[in-house]
């Protein structure tokens, strides 16, 4: 990772990578719809930025098919180790991964599309990042990004432990230098990067009662990931949150109150690079 970038706020611990797998089960269908509507189709050559364990790269690979190609990029050696192992298990092998900052990398030829999920929110200057990665796309190609808008996370009827933990996660992410509301700013970010105003969509996950385990962990496992930072920043303590039992306590209360939990808003934005 280059020294002019802050560390990725959530890290790449074994627990965090497992959390991402739960997240992918819930969010991948949303991202897939964004990619489809943006125009990712068979035969395209796609650049995936901030690939992590490779979930979005593999989604794109399914859409571009055997005649297409996906190149994933990330600055984390640990995450790419997982992604490459997953790629080896696929046939045909149309996905590859490169370590580095995609905004600073060079490629032999342009891509038909660039995609990214939960990437721009962690950038100190998302506009510059978007402008630089869009430069890797051919004229007329597709630029599509998916980022969160955390203000939408809530429960109804209210489960206070869930609502409070969501607020604490949002505040911690913000204090670590990320932007938990970047999703709602994608329109202005695209325009500031010199791109045409994007088309946008908003979705969210929602579930109640006994069917909500993954949906609760989707948000509450972030508490475990971020707890050291919460304590260091004076935001919350392990004693206050009891993260090992937090999700189970929330699920019990959801069932008792017949409540539902709503995750953060998932916002997709896409446009085409102007033809010269």
C-alpha atoms as a PDB file:
ATOM      1  CA  UNK A   1       0.000   0.000   0.000  1.00  0.00           C
ATOM      2  CA  UNK A   2       1.457   3.355  -0.960  1.00  0.00           C
ATOM      3  CA  UNK A   3       2.194   5.734   1.871  1.00  0.00           C
ATOM      4  CA  UNK A   4      -0.014   8.538   0.571  1.00  0.00           C
ATOM      5  CA  UNK A   5      -3.166   6.526   1.278  1.00  0.00           C
ATOM      6  CA  UNK A   6      -4.682   5.916   4.717  1.00  0.00           C
ATOM      7  CA  UNK A   7      -5.046   2.317   5.844  1.00  0.00           C
ATOM      8  CA  UNK A   8      -8.286   0.641   4.846  1.00  0.00           C
ATOM      9  CA  UNK A   9     -10.444   1.330   7.908  1.00  0.00           C
ATOM     10  CA  UNK A  10     -11.824  -2.200   8.303  1.00  0.00           C
ATOM     11  CA  UNK A  11      -8.565  -4.103   7.836  1.00  0.00           C
ATOM     12  CA  UNK A  12      -8.209  -7.625   6.418  1.00  0.00           C
ATOM     13  CA  UNK A  13      -8.217  -9.917   9.457  1.00  0.00           C
ATOM     14  CA  UNK A  14      -9.513 -13.479   9.140  1.00  0.00           C
ATOM     15  CA  UNK A  15     -12.711 -12.403  10.932  1.00  0.00           C
ATOM     16  CA  UNK A  16     -13.146  -9.427   8.608  1.00  0.00           C
ATOM     17  CA  UNK A  17     -12.741 -11.586   5.506  1.00  0.00           C
ATOM     18  CA  UNK A  18     -15.384 -13.966   6.893  1.00  0.00           C
ATOM     19  CA  UNK A  19     -17.657 -10.989   7.566  1.00  0.00           C
ATOM     20  CA  UNK A  20     -17.248  -9.984   3.945  1.00  0.00           C
ATOM     21  CA  UNK A  21     -18.479 -13.413   2.840  1.00  0.00           C
ATOM     22  CA  UNK A  22     -21.726 -12.907   4.793  1.00  0.00           C
ATOM     23  CA  UNK A  23     -22.012  -9.420   3.372  1.00  0.00           C
ATOM     24  CA  UNK A  24     -21.555 -10.782  -0.148  1.00  0.00           C
ATOM     25  CA  UNK A  25     -24.436 -13.243   0.217  1.00  0.00           C
ATOM     26  CA  UNK A  26     -26.783 -10.351   0.902  1.00  0.00           C
ATOM     27  CA  UNK A  27     -25.322  -7.581  -1.216  1.00  0.00           C
ATOM     28  CA  UNK A  28     -24.138  -9.457  -4.325  1.00  0.00           C
ATOM     29  CA  UNK A  29     -27.667  -9.652  -5.819  1.00  0.00           C
ATOM     30  CA  UNK A  30     -27.963  -5.870  -5.455  1.00  0.00           C
ATOM     31  CA  UNK A  31     -24.574  -5.216  -7.036  1.00  0.00           C
ATOM     32  CA  UNK A  32     -25.411  -7.633  -9.844  1.00  0.00           C
ATOM     33  CA  UNK A  33     -28.551  -5.650 -10.665  1.00  0.00           C
ATOM     34  CA  UNK A  34     -26.515  -2.426 -10.733  1.00  0.00           C
ATOM     35  CA  UNK A  35     -23.955  -4.001 -13.084  1.00  0.00           C
ATOM     36  CA  UNK A  36     -26.627  -5.362 -15.400  1.00  0.00           C
ATOM     37  CA  UNK A  37     -28.483  -2.061 -15.626  1.00  0.00           C
ATOM     38  CA  UNK A  38     -25.200  -0.224 -16.153  1.00  0.00           C
ATOM     39  CA  UNK A  39     -24.579  -2.352 -19.248  1.00  0.00           C
ATOM     40  CA  UNK A  40     -21.990  -4.944 -18.218  1.00  0.00           C
ATOM     41  CA  UNK A  41     -22.464  -7.654 -20.867  1.00  0.00           C
ATOM     42  CA  UNK A  42     -20.737 -10.652 -22.418  1.00  0.00           C
ATOM     43  CA  UNK A  43     -17.346 -10.115 -23.985  1.00  0.00           C
ATOM     44  CA  UNK A  44     -16.381  -7.033 -21.988  1.00  0.00           C
ATOM     45  CA  UNK A  45     -12.957  -6.479 -20.447  1.00  0.00           C
ATOM     46  CA  UNK A  46     -13.604  -5.138 -16.931  1.00  0.00           C
ATOM     47  CA  UNK A  47     -11.369  -3.514 -14.308  1.00  0.00           C
ATOM     48  CA  UNK A  48     -12.517  -4.108 -10.715  1.00  0.00           C
ATOM     49  CA  UNK A  49     -10.998  -1.644  -8.243  1.00  0.00           C
ATOM     50  CA  UNK A  50     -10.641  -2.466  -4.558  1.00  0.00           C
ATOM     51  CA  UNK A  51     -11.365  -6.143  -5.182  1.00  0.00           C
ATOM     52  CA  UNK A  52     -10.756  -7.432  -1.652  1.00  0.00           C
ATOM     53  CA  UNK A  53     -11.584 -11.147  -1.653  1.00  0.00           C
ATOM     54  CA  UNK A  54     -12.916 -10.868  -5.203  1.00  0.00           C
ATOM     55  CA  UNK A  55     -16.685 -10.874  -4.812  1.00  0.00           C
ATOM     56  CA  UNK A  56     -17.425  -8.116  -7.332  1.00  0.00           C
ATOM     57  CA  UNK A  57     -14.782  -9.384  -9.753  1.00  0.00           C
ATOM     58  CA  UNK A  58     -16.504 -12.778  -9.834  1.00  0.00           C
ATOM     59  CA  UNK A  59     -19.919 -11.145 -10.275  1.00  0.00           C
ATOM     60  CA  UNK A  60     -18.561  -9.235 -13.261  1.00  0.00           C
ATOM     61  CA  UNK A  61     -16.935 -12.403 -14.628  1.00  0.00           C
ATOM     62  CA  UNK A  62     -20.291 -14.186 -14.610  1.00  0.00           C
ATOM     63  CA  UNK A  63     -21.766 -11.349 -16.666  1.00  0.00           C
ATOM     64  CA  UNK A  64     -18.953 -11.018 -19.222  1.00  0.00           C
ATOM     65  CA  UNK A  65     -18.747 -14.785 -19.730  1.00  0.00           C
ATOM     66  CA  UNK A  66     -16.015 -16.896 -21.277  1.00  0.00           C
ATOM     67  CA  UNK A  67     -15.321 -14.323 -23.985  1.00  0.00           C
ATOM     68  CA  UNK A  68     -14.740 -11.555 -21.461  1.00  0.00           C
ATOM     69  CA  UNK A  69     -12.027 -10.789 -18.938  1.00  0.00           C
ATOM     70  CA  UNK A  70     -11.921  -9.275 -15.457  1.00  0.00           C
ATOM     71  CA  UNK A  71      -8.817  -7.786 -13.855  1.00  0.00           C
ATOM     72  CA  UNK A  72      -9.162  -7.190 -10.122  1.00  0.00           C
ATOM     73  CA  UNK A  73      -6.907  -4.844  -8.186  1.00  0.00           C
ATOM     74  CA  UNK A  74      -6.286  -4.244  -4.499  1.00  0.00           C
ATOM     75  CA  UNK A  75      -3.521  -2.968  -2.213  1.00  0.00           C
ATOM     76  CA  UNK A  76      -3.977  -5.794   0.321  1.00  0.00           C
ATOM     77  CA  UNK A  77      -1.775  -8.867  -0.023  1.00  0.00           C
ATOM     78  CA  UNK A  78      -3.962 -10.814   2.444  1.00  0.00           C
ATOM     79  CA  UNK A  79      -7.189 -10.119   0.586  1.00  0.00           C
ATOM     80  CA  UNK A  80      -5.662 -10.940  -2.805  1.00  0.00           C
ATOM     81  CA  UNK A  81      -4.360 -14.250  -1.484  1.00  0.00           C
ATOM     82  CA  UNK A  82      -7.970 -15.257  -0.823  1.00  0.00           C
ATOM     83  CA  UNK A  83      -9.163 -13.849  -4.155  1.00  0.00           C
ATOM     84  CA  UNK A  84      -6.528 -15.716  -6.164  1.00  0.00           C
ATOM     85  CA  UNK A  85      -7.298 -18.991  -4.420  1.00  0.00           C
ATOM     86  CA  UNK A  86     -10.967 -18.537  -5.316  1.00  0.00           C
ATOM     87  CA  UNK A  87     -10.046 -17.698  -8.919  1.00  0.00           C
ATOM     88  CA  UNK A  88      -8.069 -20.941  -9.232  1.00  0.00           C
ATOM     89  CA  UNK A  89     -11.229 -22.889  -8.439  1.00  0.00           C
ATOM     90  CA  UNK A  90     -13.161 -21.323 -11.323  1.00  0.00           C
ATOM     91  CA  UNK A  91     -13.290 -22.643 -14.864  1.00  0.00           C
ATOM     92  CA  UNK A  92     -12.582 -21.097 -17.250  1.00  0.00           C
ATOM     93  CA  UNK A  93     -10.144 -18.804 -15.465  1.00  0.00           C
ATOM     94  CA  UNK A  94     -11.154 -15.404 -16.835  1.00  0.00           C
ATOM     95  CA  UNK A  95     -10.364 -13.466 -13.630  1.00  0.00           C
ATOM     96  CA  UNK A  96      -6.903 -12.322 -12.542  1.00  0.00           C
ATOM     97  CA  UNK A  97      -5.757 -10.092  -9.700  1.00  0.00           C
ATOM     98  CA  UNK A  98      -2.993  -7.500  -9.445  1.00  0.00           C
ATOM     99  CA  UNK A  99      -1.648  -5.939  -6.267  1.00  0.00           C
ATOM    100  CA  UNK A 100      -1.408  -2.179  -6.273  1.00  0.00           C
ATOM    101  CA  UNK A 101      -3.309   1.086  -6.375  1.00  0.00           C
ATOM    102  CA  UNK A 102      -5.475   1.081  -9.530  1.00  0.00           C
ATOM    103  CA  UNK A 103      -5.426   4.877  -9.620  1.00  0.00           C
ATOM    104  CA  UNK A 104      -1.647   4.767 -10.119  1.00  0.00           C
ATOM    105  CA  UNK A 105      -1.303   1.581 -12.185  1.00  0.00           C
ATOM    106  CA  UNK A 106      -0.854   1.390 -15.948  1.00  0.00           C
ATOM    107  CA  UNK A 107      -2.353  -1.198 -18.294  1.00  0.00           C
ATOM    108  CA  UNK A 108      -1.458  -2.266 -21.815  1.00  0.00           C
ATOM    109  CA  UNK A 109      -4.877  -1.434 -23.238  1.00  0.00           C
ATOM    110  CA  UNK A 110      -8.075   0.253 -22.083  1.00  0.00           C
ATOM    111  CA  UNK A 111     -10.999  -1.531 -20.449  1.00  0.00           C
ATOM    112  CA  UNK A 112     -14.620  -1.612 -21.549  1.00  0.00           C
ATOM    113  CA  UNK A 113     -15.719  -0.890 -17.983  1.00  0.00           C
ATOM    114  CA  UNK A 114     -14.473  -0.089 -14.501  1.00  0.00           C
ATOM    115  CA  UNK A 115     -16.474  -1.226 -11.460  1.00  0.00           C
ATOM    116  CA  UNK A 116     -16.089  -0.908  -7.702  1.00  0.00           C
ATOM    117  CA  UNK A 117     -18.048  -1.611  -4.526  1.00  0.00           C
ATOM    118  CA  UNK A 118     -17.427   0.116  -1.184  1.00  0.00           C
ATOM    119  CA  UNK A 119     -14.274   1.716  -2.584  1.00  0.00           C
ATOM    120  CA  UNK A 120     -14.857   5.441  -2.961  1.00  0.00           C
ATOM    121  CA  UNK A 121     -16.039   5.827   0.655  1.00  0.00           C
ATOM    122  CA  UNK A 122     -12.518   4.987   1.873  1.00  0.00           C
ATOM    123  CA  UNK A 123     -10.684   7.420  -0.392  1.00  0.00           C
ATOM    124  CA  UNK A 124      -9.318  10.700   0.987  1.00  0.00           C
ATOM    125  CA  UNK A 125     -10.252  12.257  -2.369  1.00  0.00           C
ATOM    126  CA  UNK A 126     -12.936  10.139  -4.066  1.00  0.00           C
ATOM    127  CA  UNK A 127     -13.267  12.554  -6.984  1.00  0.00           C
ATOM    128  CA  UNK A 128      -9.603  12.230  -7.920  1.00  0.00           C
ATOM    129  CA  UNK A 129      -9.730   8.460  -7.456  1.00  0.00           C
ATOM    130  CA  UNK A 130     -12.743   8.214  -9.757  1.00  0.00           C
ATOM    131  CA  UNK A 131     -11.168  10.460 -12.378  1.00  0.00           C
ATOM    132  CA  UNK A 132      -7.967   8.384 -12.409  1.00  0.00           C
ATOM    133  CA  UNK A 133      -9.614   4.961 -12.662  1.00  0.00           C
ATOM    134  CA  UNK A 134     -12.038   6.233 -15.306  1.00  0.00           C
ATOM    135  CA  UNK A 135      -8.964   7.061 -17.409  1.00  0.00           C
ATOM    136  CA  UNK A 136      -8.420   3.298 -17.806  1.00  0.00           C
ATOM    137  CA  UNK A 137     -11.761   2.992 -19.657  1.00  0.00           C
ATOM    138  CA  UNK A 138     -12.142   3.398 -23.408  1.00  0.00           C
ATOM    139  CA  UNK A 139     -14.282   6.218 -24.772  1.00  0.00           C
ATOM    140  CA  UNK A 140     -17.904   5.114 -24.593  1.00  0.00           C
ATOM    141  CA  UNK A 141     -17.101   2.582 -21.871  1.00  0.00           C
ATOM    142  CA  UNK A 142     -18.978   2.103 -18.604  1.00  0.00           C
ATOM    143  CA  UNK A 143     -18.105   3.418 -15.139  1.00  0.00           C
ATOM    144  CA  UNK A 144     -20.182   1.940 -12.278  1.00  0.00           C
ATOM    145  CA  UNK A 145     -19.708   2.248  -8.520  1.00  0.00           C
ATOM    146  CA  UNK A 146     -21.683   0.964  -5.543  1.00  0.00           C
ATOM    147  CA  UNK A 147     -21.272   2.700  -2.183  1.00  0.00           C
ATOM    148  CA  UNK A 148     -23.282   2.897   1.052  1.00  0.00           C
ATOM    149  CA  UNK A 149     -25.445   5.551   2.617  1.00  0.00           C
ATOM    150  CA  UNK A 150     -25.466   4.478   6.246  1.00  0.00           C
ATOM    151  CA  UNK A 151     -28.125   6.912   7.445  1.00  0.00           C
ATOM    152  CA  UNK A 152     -30.777   4.448   6.298  1.00  0.00           C
ATOM    153  CA  UNK A 153     -29.893   1.700   8.812  1.00  0.00           C
ATOM    154  CA  UNK A 154     -32.668   1.286  11.402  1.00  0.00           C
ATOM    155  CA  UNK A 155     -35.176  -1.078  13.017  1.00  0.00           C
ATOM    156  CA  UNK A 156     -38.967  -0.996  13.389  1.00  0.00           C
ATOM    157  CA  UNK A 157     -40.474  -1.294  15.921  1.00  0.00           C
ATOM    158  CA  UNK A 158     -37.237  -0.043  17.383  1.00  0.00           C
ATOM    159  CA  UNK A 159     -34.650  -2.475  18.729  1.00  0.00           C
ATOM    160  CA  UNK A 160     -32.460  -0.005  20.640  1.00  0.00           C
ATOM    161  CA  UNK A 161     -29.325  -2.193  20.670  1.00  0.00           C
ATOM    162  CA  UNK A 162     -29.422  -2.465  16.866  1.00  0.00           C
ATOM    163  CA  UNK A 163     -30.074   1.231  16.270  1.00  0.00           C
ATOM    164  CA  UNK A 164     -27.382   2.309  18.739  1.00  0.00           C
ATOM    165  CA  UNK A 165     -24.774  -0.070  17.311  1.00  0.00           C
ATOM    166  CA  UNK A 166     -25.469   1.138  13.767  1.00  0.00           C
ATOM    167  CA  UNK A 167     -24.928   4.728  14.899  1.00  0.00           C
ATOM    168  CA  UNK A 168     -21.694   3.795  16.669  1.00  0.00           C
ATOM    169  CA  UNK A 169     -20.374   2.029  13.553  1.00  0.00           C
ATOM    170  CA  UNK A 170     -21.239   5.039  11.409  1.00  0.00           C
ATOM    171  CA  UNK A 171     -19.469   7.420  13.789  1.00  0.00           C
ATOM    172  CA  UNK A 172     -16.400   5.180  14.024  1.00  0.00           C
ATOM    173  CA  UNK A 173     -16.090   4.857  10.257  1.00  0.00           C
ATOM    174  CA  UNK A 174     -16.381   8.631   9.956  1.00  0.00           C
ATOM    175  CA  UNK A 175     -13.749   9.238  12.665  1.00  0.00           C
ATOM    176  CA  UNK A 176     -11.392   6.850  10.860  1.00  0.00           C
ATOM    177  CA  UNK A 177     -11.513   9.106   7.814  1.00  0.00           C
ATOM    178  CA  UNK A 178     -14.006   7.279   5.607  1.00  0.00           C
ATOM    179  CA  UNK A 179     -17.323   8.707   4.401  1.00  0.00           C
ATOM    180  CA  UNK A 180     -20.281   6.512   5.452  1.00  0.00           C
ATOM    181  CA  UNK A 181     -22.617   8.697   3.372  1.00  0.00           C
ATOM    182  CA  UNK A 182     -20.606   8.548   0.145  1.00  0.00           C
ATOM    183  CA  UNK A 183     -23.373   6.683  -1.676  1.00  0.00           C
ATOM    184  CA  UNK A 184     -25.701   9.681  -1.649  1.00  0.00           C
ATOM    185  CA  UNK A 185     -22.815  11.808  -2.971  1.00  0.00           C
ATOM    186  CA  UNK A 186     -22.078   9.645  -6.009  1.00  0.00           C
ATOM    187  CA  UNK A 187     -23.892  12.019  -8.363  1.00  0.00           C
ATOM    188  CA  UNK A 188     -21.783  15.018  -7.351  1.00  0.00           C
ATOM    189  CA  UNK A 189     -18.630  12.871  -7.282  1.00  0.00           C
ATOM    190  CA  UNK A 190     -19.146  11.683 -10.855  1.00  0.00           C
ATOM    191  CA  UNK A 191     -19.815  15.220 -12.086  1.00  0.00           C
ATOM    192  CA  UNK A 192     -16.813  16.650 -10.217  1.00  0.00           C
ATOM    193  CA  UNK A 193     -14.653  13.944 -11.828  1.00  0.00           C
ATOM    194  CA  UNK A 194     -15.627  15.278 -15.260  1.00  0.00           C
ATOM    195  CA  UNK A 195     -18.053  12.455 -16.066  1.00  0.00           C
ATOM    196  CA  UNK A 196     -21.634  12.744 -17.316  1.00  0.00           C
ATOM    197  CA  UNK A 197     -24.282  12.760 -14.560  1.00  0.00           C
ATOM    198  CA  UNK A 198     -24.874   9.132 -13.584  1.00  0.00           C
ATOM    199  CA  UNK A 199     -27.996   7.044 -13.455  1.00  0.00           C
ATOM    200  CA  UNK A 200     -28.609   5.977  -9.855  1.00  0.00           C
ATOM    201  CA  UNK A 201     -30.519   3.340  -7.912  1.00  0.00           C
ATOM    202  CA  UNK A 202     -31.062   2.685  -4.205  1.00  0.00           C
ATOM    203  CA  UNK A 203     -31.773  -0.669  -2.578  1.00  0.00           C
ATOM    204  CA  UNK A 204     -31.533  -2.060   0.918  1.00  0.00           C
ATOM    205  CA  UNK A 205     -31.832  -5.357   2.729  1.00  0.00           C
ATOM    206  CA  UNK A 206     -34.631  -5.928   5.234  1.00  0.00           C
ATOM    207  CA  UNK A 207     -35.713  -8.898   7.334  1.00  0.00           C
ATOM    208  CA  UNK A 208     -37.512  -9.730  10.543  1.00  0.00           C
ATOM    209  CA  UNK A 209     -37.702 -12.311  13.269  1.00  0.00           C
ATOM    210  CA  UNK A 210     -36.134 -15.721  12.902  1.00  0.00           C
ATOM    211  CA  UNK A 211     -35.156 -15.082   9.258  1.00  0.00           C
ATOM    212  CA  UNK A 212     -32.921 -12.144  10.125  1.00  0.00           C
ATOM    213  CA  UNK A 213     -29.697 -13.766  11.373  1.00  0.00           C
ATOM    214  CA  UNK A 214     -27.564 -12.893   8.340  1.00  0.00           C
ATOM    215  CA  UNK A 215     -29.141  -9.449   8.138  1.00  0.00           C
ATOM    216  CA  UNK A 216     -28.281  -8.698  11.768  1.00  0.00           C
ATOM    217  CA  UNK A 217     -24.718  -9.989  11.398  1.00  0.00           C
ATOM    218  CA  UNK A 218     -24.430  -7.906   8.210  1.00  0.00           C
ATOM    219  CA  UNK A 219     -24.343  -4.798  10.410  1.00  0.00           C
ATOM    220  CA  UNK A 220     -23.382  -6.081  13.874  1.00  0.00           C
ATOM    221  CA  UNK A 221     -20.228  -7.946  12.846  1.00  0.00           C
ATOM    222  CA  UNK A 222     -18.848  -4.530  11.955  1.00  0.00           C
ATOM    223  CA  UNK A 223     -18.897  -3.827  15.686  1.00  0.00           C
ATOM    224  CA  UNK A 224     -16.367  -6.626  16.293  1.00  0.00           C
ATOM    225  CA  UNK A 225     -14.178  -5.436  13.437  1.00  0.00           C
ATOM    226  CA  UNK A 226     -14.210  -1.839  14.643  1.00  0.00           C
ATOM    227  CA  UNK A 227     -14.243  -2.363  18.421  1.00  0.00           C
ATOM    228  CA  UNK A 228     -10.495  -1.666  18.932  1.00  0.00           C
ATOM    229  CA  UNK A 229     -10.943   1.637  17.124  1.00  0.00           C
ATOM    230  CA  UNK A 230     -14.151   2.417  19.034  1.00  0.00           C
ATOM    231  CA  UNK A 231     -12.287   1.983  22.321  1.00  0.00           C
ATOM    232  CA  UNK A 232      -9.210   3.882  21.141  1.00  0.00           C
ATOM    233  CA  UNK A 233     -11.359   6.801  19.986  1.00  0.00           C
ATOM    234  CA  UNK A 234     -13.499   6.795  23.135  1.00  0.00           C
ATOM    235  CA  UNK A 235     -16.688   6.014  21.209  1.00  0.00           C
ATOM    236  CA  UNK A 236     -17.717   2.793  22.998  1.00  0.00           C
ATOM    237  CA  UNK A 237     -16.284  -0.061  25.068  1.00  0.00           C
ATOM    238  CA  UNK A 238     -16.448  -3.835  24.891  1.00  0.00           C
ATOM    239  CA  UNK A 239     -18.198  -3.866  28.264  1.00  0.00           C
ATOM    240  CA  UNK A 240     -20.850  -1.494  26.937  1.00  0.00           C
ATOM    241  CA  UNK A 241     -21.512  -3.456  23.735  1.00  0.00           C
ATOM    242  CA  UNK A 242     -20.651  -7.074  24.668  1.00  0.00           C
ATOM    243  CA  UNK A 243     -19.973  -7.821  20.973  1.00  0.00           C
ATOM    244  CA  UNK A 244     -19.845 -11.606  21.412  1.00  0.00           C
ATOM    245  CA  UNK A 245     -23.547 -11.694  22.349  1.00  0.00           C
ATOM    246  CA  UNK A 246     -24.752  -8.552  20.565  1.00  0.00           C
ATOM    247  CA  UNK A 247     -26.178 -10.187  17.447  1.00  0.00           C
ATOM    248  CA  UNK A 248     -27.950 -12.953  19.400  1.00  0.00           C
ATOM    249  CA  UNK A 249     -29.502 -10.453  21.795  1.00  0.00           C
ATOM    250  CA  UNK A 250     -30.778  -8.374  18.903  1.00  0.00           C
ATOM    251  CA  UNK A 251     -32.249 -11.401  17.135  1.00  0.00           C
ATOM    252  CA  UNK A 252     -34.057 -12.436  20.346  1.00  0.00           C
ATOM    253  CA  UNK A 253     -35.532  -8.951  20.665  1.00  0.00           C
ATOM    254  CA  UNK A 254     -36.519  -8.896  16.990  1.00  0.00           C
ATOM    255  CA  UNK A 255     -38.470 -12.114  17.457  1.00  0.00           C
ATOM    256  CA  UNK A 256     -40.068 -10.956  20.705  1.00  0.00           C
ATOM    257  CA  UNK A 257     -41.161  -7.583  19.273  1.00  0.00           C
ATOM    258  CA  UNK A 258     -41.949  -8.811  15.729  1.00  0.00           C
ATOM    259  CA  UNK A 259     -39.541  -6.142  14.515  1.00  0.00           C
ATOM    260  CA  UNK A 260     -37.654  -5.790  11.259  1.00  0.00           C
ATOM    261  CA  UNK A 261     -34.129  -4.518  10.666  1.00  0.00           C
ATOM    262  CA  UNK A 262     -33.183  -2.408   7.672  1.00  0.00           C
ATOM    263  CA  UNK A 263     -29.569  -2.296   6.564  1.00  0.00           C
ATOM    264  CA  UNK A 264     -27.715   0.712   5.242  1.00  0.00           C
ATOM    265  CA  UNK A 265     -28.870   2.030   1.880  1.00  0.00           C
ATOM    266  CA  UNK A 266     -26.978   0.512  -1.057  1.00  0.00           C
ATOM    267  CA  UNK A 267     -26.585   3.067  -3.853  1.00  0.00           C
ATOM    268  CA  UNK A 268     -25.368   2.353  -7.358  1.00  0.00           C
ATOM    269  CA  UNK A 269     -24.328   4.974  -9.912  1.00  0.00           C
ATOM    270  CA  UNK A 270     -23.170   4.519 -13.475  1.00  0.00           C
ATOM    271  CA  UNK A 271     -22.443   6.454 -16.615  1.00  0.00           C
ATOM    272  CA  UNK A 272     -20.621   6.156 -19.927  1.00  0.00           C
ATOM    273  CA  UNK A 273     -17.301   7.805 -20.597  1.00  0.00           C
ATOM    274  CA  UNK A 274     -17.847  10.461 -23.259  1.00  0.00           C
ATOM    275  CA  UNK A 275     -16.650   9.619 -26.775  1.00  0.00           C
ATOM    276  CA  UNK A 276     -14.202  12.178 -28.133  1.00  0.00           C
END
